[in-house]
Amino acid sequence: PADPLVDFMINRGMEVIEEYEPLRFPHATKIFINGSWVGVHQDPKHLVSQVLDLRRKSYLNYEVSLVRDIRDREFKIFSDAGRVMRPVFTVRQEDGQIGEPPKGTLVLTKEHVNQLAREQAGEPLEAGEDGDTKPGWEGLVSAGAVEYLDAEEEETAMICMTPDDLEIYRAQKTDGYEPPAFDPAEPNKRVRTRINASTHIYTHCEIHPSMILGICAS
């Protein structure tokens, strides 16, 4: 149901379509829910970050898609059925507190991996700060380490091929690191993605490059 989302965005500055005056706010961002224009907002960046945070904290269902089209000044939310989705790792968009991983690293941590290993070994799981223990894949989704993207949201995401490529990108941006050139003597070595200098930051990372074909292969 879209009504709770509409109420949430109205409480955060969205002007409903019935009260919108185009001449007064010609550059406002339109907000659509399942194809219906419900209102406009003057600060879409802040609104999108809040709704995205809701999804990553599992207050919003992980199957809800959030698509911000900056060029067309549109923010589209989809929760209807029939959208094919696939999972990817999420990348931190902001620097954390002291001692936390920096911006541009995977949200997935060694603690998540160790918890999965303990679960497979049959050991008792450690409760999180909220006392909740969600095992396995469900735990990664609820922790925001994994997100599901549909075709439209994927068009607005910057997806890195592997975690190694993500580390090389961070090293290039922060330390000026230059990766070694392709060696013809090793023709079977994996061809790395060429880093685009204009890329501001990656938003997601593939779990494995072959999962791009997962929908076709399943």
Protein backbone atom coordinates (compact mmCIF):
# COMPACT_ATOMS: atom_id res chain seq x y z
CA PRO A 1 0.00 0.00 0.00
CA ALA A 2 1.23 3.46 -0.93
CA ASP A 3 -0.64 5.52 1.69
CA PRO A 4 1.98 5.15 4.47
CA LEU A 5 4.71 6.24 2.05
CA VAL A 6 2.70 9.27 0.96
CA ASP A 7 2.12 10.27 4.60
CA PHE A 8 5.82 9.78 5.37
CA MET A 9 6.89 12.08 2.52
CA ILE A 10 4.25 14.70 3.33
CA ASN A 11 5.71 14.88 6.85
CA ARG A 12 9.10 15.50 5.25
CA GLY A 13 8.17 18.40 3.04
CA MET A 14 6.40 16.87 0.06
CA GLU A 15 3.72 19.08 -1.45
CA VAL A 16 0.76 17.02 -2.68
CA ILE A 17 -0.16 17.33 -6.34
CA GLU A 18 -3.49 19.05 -5.58
CA GLU A 19 -1.65 21.99 -3.97
CA TYR A 20 1.24 22.22 -6.42
CA GLU A 21 1.70 25.51 -8.31
CA PRO A 22 4.10 25.02 -11.27
CA LEU A 23 4.80 28.75 -11.67
CA ARG A 24 5.88 29.04 -8.03
CA PHE A 25 8.16 25.97 -8.04
CA PRO A 26 9.12 25.29 -11.69
CA HIS A 27 12.18 23.20 -10.75
CA ALA A 28 10.56 20.96 -8.14
CA THR A 29 11.15 17.22 -8.37
CA LYS A 30 8.06 15.15 -9.17
CA ILE A 31 7.35 12.14 -6.97
CA PHE A 32 5.67 9.06 -8.44
CA ILE A 33 4.44 5.97 -6.60
CA ASN A 34 3.71 2.99 -8.86
CA GLY A 35 3.30 5.34 -11.81
CA SER A 36 0.94 7.81 -10.11
CA TRP A 37 2.14 11.40 -9.62
CA VAL A 38 1.49 12.12 -5.94
CA GLY A 39 3.44 15.32 -5.26
CA VAL A 40 6.62 17.40 -5.57
CA HIS A 41 9.60 18.11 -3.32
CA GLN A 42 12.15 20.92 -3.16
CA ASP A 43 15.01 18.89 -1.64
CA PRO A 44 14.93 15.51 -3.41
CA LYS A 45 18.47 14.52 -2.40
CA HIS A 46 17.57 14.62 1.28
CA LEU A 47 14.24 12.86 0.72
CA VAL A 48 15.79 10.06 -1.35
CA SER A 49 18.49 9.47 1.27
CA GLN A 50 15.84 9.20 4.00
CA VAL A 51 13.68 6.72 2.08
CA LEU A 52 16.77 4.71 1.07
CA ASP A 53 17.83 4.59 4.72
CA LEU A 54 14.39 3.23 5.62
CA ARG A 55 14.81 0.41 3.11
CA ARG A 56 18.32 -0.45 4.25
CA LYS A 57 17.15 -0.62 7.87
CA SER A 58 14.27 -2.92 6.83
CA TYR A 59 11.53 -0.46 7.83
CA LEU A 60 10.63 -0.51 4.14
CA ASN A 61 10.33 -3.78 2.26
CA TYR A 62 13.51 -4.69 0.39
CA GLU A 63 11.48 -5.32 -2.79
CA VAL A 64 10.50 -1.64 -3.04
CA SER A 65 12.49 0.09 -5.79
CA LEU A 66 13.69 3.69 -5.48
CA VAL A 67 14.63 5.47 -8.70
CA ARG A 68 15.81 9.09 -8.79
CA ASP A 69 16.10 10.56 -12.28
CA ILE A 70 18.09 13.76 -11.82
CA ARG A 71 17.84 14.91 -15.43
CA ASP A 72 14.05 14.64 -15.59
CA ARG A 73 13.70 15.77 -11.95
CA GLU A 74 11.69 12.70 -10.96
CA PHE A 75 11.73 10.36 -7.95
CA LYS A 76 9.89 7.11 -8.66
CA ILE A 77 8.93 4.46 -6.11
CA PHE A 78 7.76 1.02 -7.24
CA SER A 79 6.19 -1.64 -5.03
CA ASP A 80 4.01 -3.40 -7.60
CA ALA A 81 4.40 -7.03 -8.62
CA GLY A 82 6.12 -8.39 -11.71
CA ARG A 83 9.48 -6.62 -11.44
CA VAL A 84 12.51 -8.89 -11.93
CA MET A 85 15.17 -8.11 -9.31
CA ARG A 86 18.69 -9.31 -8.52
CA PRO A 87 20.94 -8.91 -5.46
CA VAL A 88 24.13 -6.83 -5.24
CA PHE A 89 26.43 -5.73 -2.41
CA THR A 90 25.97 -2.15 -1.17
CA VAL A 91 28.80 0.38 -0.90
CA ARG A 92 29.10 2.96 1.88
CA GLN A 93 28.23 6.45 0.64
CA GLU A 94 29.35 8.34 3.75
CA ASP A 95 32.30 8.16 6.12
CA GLY A 96 31.37 6.46 9.38
CA GLN A 97 32.43 7.30 12.90
CA ILE A 98 35.98 6.82 14.14
CA GLY A 99 36.95 3.17 13.82
CA GLU A 100 34.27 2.41 11.22
CA PRO A 101 35.05 1.60 7.57
CA PRO A 102 35.47 4.64 5.30
CA LYS A 103 33.31 5.78 2.42
CA GLY A 104 33.61 3.66 -0.72
CA THR A 105 33.94 0.30 1.07
CA LEU A 106 31.46 -2.56 1.21
CA VAL A 107 28.80 -2.49 3.92
CA LEU A 108 29.49 -6.23 4.22
CA THR A 109 32.05 -6.76 7.01
CA LYS A 110 34.07 -9.65 8.41
CA GLU A 111 31.57 -9.83 11.26
CA HIS A 112 28.80 -10.62 8.77
CA VAL A 113 30.95 -13.32 7.14
CA ASN A 114 31.95 -14.80 10.51
CA GLN A 115 28.30 -14.92 11.57
CA LEU A 116 27.43 -16.82 8.39
CA ALA A 117 30.30 -19.25 9.08
CA ARG A 118 29.09 -19.83 12.66
CA GLU A 119 25.57 -20.43 11.37
CA GLN A 120 26.78 -23.04 8.87
CA ALA A 121 28.82 -24.70 11.63
CA GLY A 122 25.72 -24.91 13.83
CA GLU A 123 27.07 -22.56 16.50
CA PRO A 124 24.72 -20.16 18.35
CA LEU A 125 24.45 -16.73 16.75
CA GLU A 126 25.27 -13.52 18.55
CA ALA A 127 22.36 -11.11 18.97
CA GLY A 128 22.66 -7.67 17.44
CA GLU A 129 22.31 -4.41 19.31
CA ASP A 130 18.53 -4.62 19.02
CA GLY A 131 18.49 -8.19 20.30
CA ASP A 132 17.53 -9.55 16.89
CA THR A 133 19.34 -12.41 15.20
CA LYS A 134 18.44 -12.84 11.57
CA PRO A 135 20.52 -15.63 10.11
CA GLY A 136 21.87 -16.19 6.66
CA TRP A 137 20.81 -14.25 3.62
CA GLU A 138 17.93 -12.57 5.44
CA GLY A 139 20.42 -11.16 7.93
CA LEU A 140 22.54 -9.61 5.17
CA VAL A 141 19.48 -7.99 3.62
CA SER A 142 18.22 -6.63 6.95
CA ALA A 143 21.71 -5.26 7.73
CA GLY A 144 21.73 -3.35 4.44
CA ALA A 145 24.76 -5.28 3.18
CA VAL A 146 22.78 -6.65 0.22
CA GLU A 147 20.15 -4.87 -1.85
CA TYR A 148 17.81 -6.04 -4.59
CA LEU A 149 17.70 -3.87 -7.73
CA ASP A 150 15.22 -4.05 -10.56
CA ALA A 151 16.00 -3.00 -14.13
CA GLU A 152 14.95 0.62 -13.65
CA GLU A 153 16.82 1.21 -10.40
CA GLU A 154 19.88 -0.50 -11.87
CA GLU A 155 19.98 2.23 -14.54
CA THR A 156 20.66 4.82 -11.82
CA ALA A 157 23.27 2.76 -9.93
CA MET A 158 27.06 2.66 -10.37
CA ILE A 159 27.96 -1.03 -9.99
CA CYS A 160 31.54 -2.25 -9.61
CA MET A 161 32.40 -5.70 -10.95
CA THR A 162 34.35 -7.11 -7.97
CA PRO A 163 35.46 -6.00 -4.48
CA ASP A 164 39.05 -5.99 -5.82
CA ASP A 165 38.09 -3.44 -8.46
CA LEU A 166 36.44 -1.39 -5.73
CA GLU A 167 39.66 -1.34 -3.69
CA ILE A 168 41.70 -0.35 -6.76
CA TYR A 169 39.25 2.47 -7.46
CA ARG A 170 39.57 3.76 -3.87
CA ALA A 171 43.37 3.58 -4.08
CA GLN A 172 43.37 5.52 -7.34
CA LYS A 173 41.13 8.22 -5.89
CA THR A 174 42.93 8.61 -2.56
CA ASP A 175 46.56 7.66 -3.20
CA GLY A 176 46.97 8.07 -6.95
CA TYR A 177 47.64 4.33 -7.34
CA GLU A 178 48.03 3.07 -10.91
CA PRO A 179 47.20 -0.62 -11.51
CA PRO A 180 49.67 -2.69 -13.55
CA ALA A 181 49.09 -2.84 -17.29
CA PHE A 182 47.71 -5.95 -18.97
CA ASP A 183 50.44 -8.58 -19.42
CA PRO A 184 50.18 -10.45 -22.78
CA ALA A 185 52.20 -13.29 -21.22
CA GLU A 186 49.18 -14.10 -19.01
CA PRO A 187 46.28 -14.34 -21.47
CA ASN A 188 44.10 -16.26 -19.00
CA LYS A 189 44.29 -13.59 -16.33
CA ARG A 190 41.00 -11.83 -15.59
CA VAL A 191 40.52 -8.62 -17.53
CA ARG A 192 39.82 -5.88 -15.02
CA THR A 193 37.30 -3.15 -15.60
CA ARG A 194 38.93 0.06 -16.76
CA ILE A 195 38.25 2.70 -14.12
CA ASN A 196 36.47 5.76 -15.47
CA ALA A 197 38.14 8.89 -14.14
CA SER A 198 34.81 10.74 -14.15
CA THR A 199 33.16 8.20 -11.82
CA HIS A 200 32.34 9.99 -8.58
CA ILE A 201 31.68 6.93 -6.42
CA TYR A 202 30.32 3.42 -6.80
CA THR A 203 26.98 2.68 -5.14
CA HIS A 204 26.98 -1.13 -5.43
CA CYS A 205 29.26 -4.07 -6.19
CA GLU A 206 28.49 -7.34 -7.93
CA ILE A 207 28.45 -10.41 -5.69
CA HIS A 208 30.08 -12.16 -8.66
CA PRO A 209 30.33 -10.88 -12.25
CA SER A 210 28.52 -13.96 -13.55
CA MET A 211 25.42 -12.94 -11.58
CA ILE A 212 24.71 -10.35 -14.26
CA LEU A 213 23.43 -13.34 -16.24
CA GLY A 214 21.58 -14.85 -13.29
CA ILE A 215 18.14 -13.88 -14.55
CA CYS A 216 18.88 -15.35 -17.97
CA ALA A 217 20.39 -18.55 -16.56
CA SER A 218 17.79 -19.31 -13.89
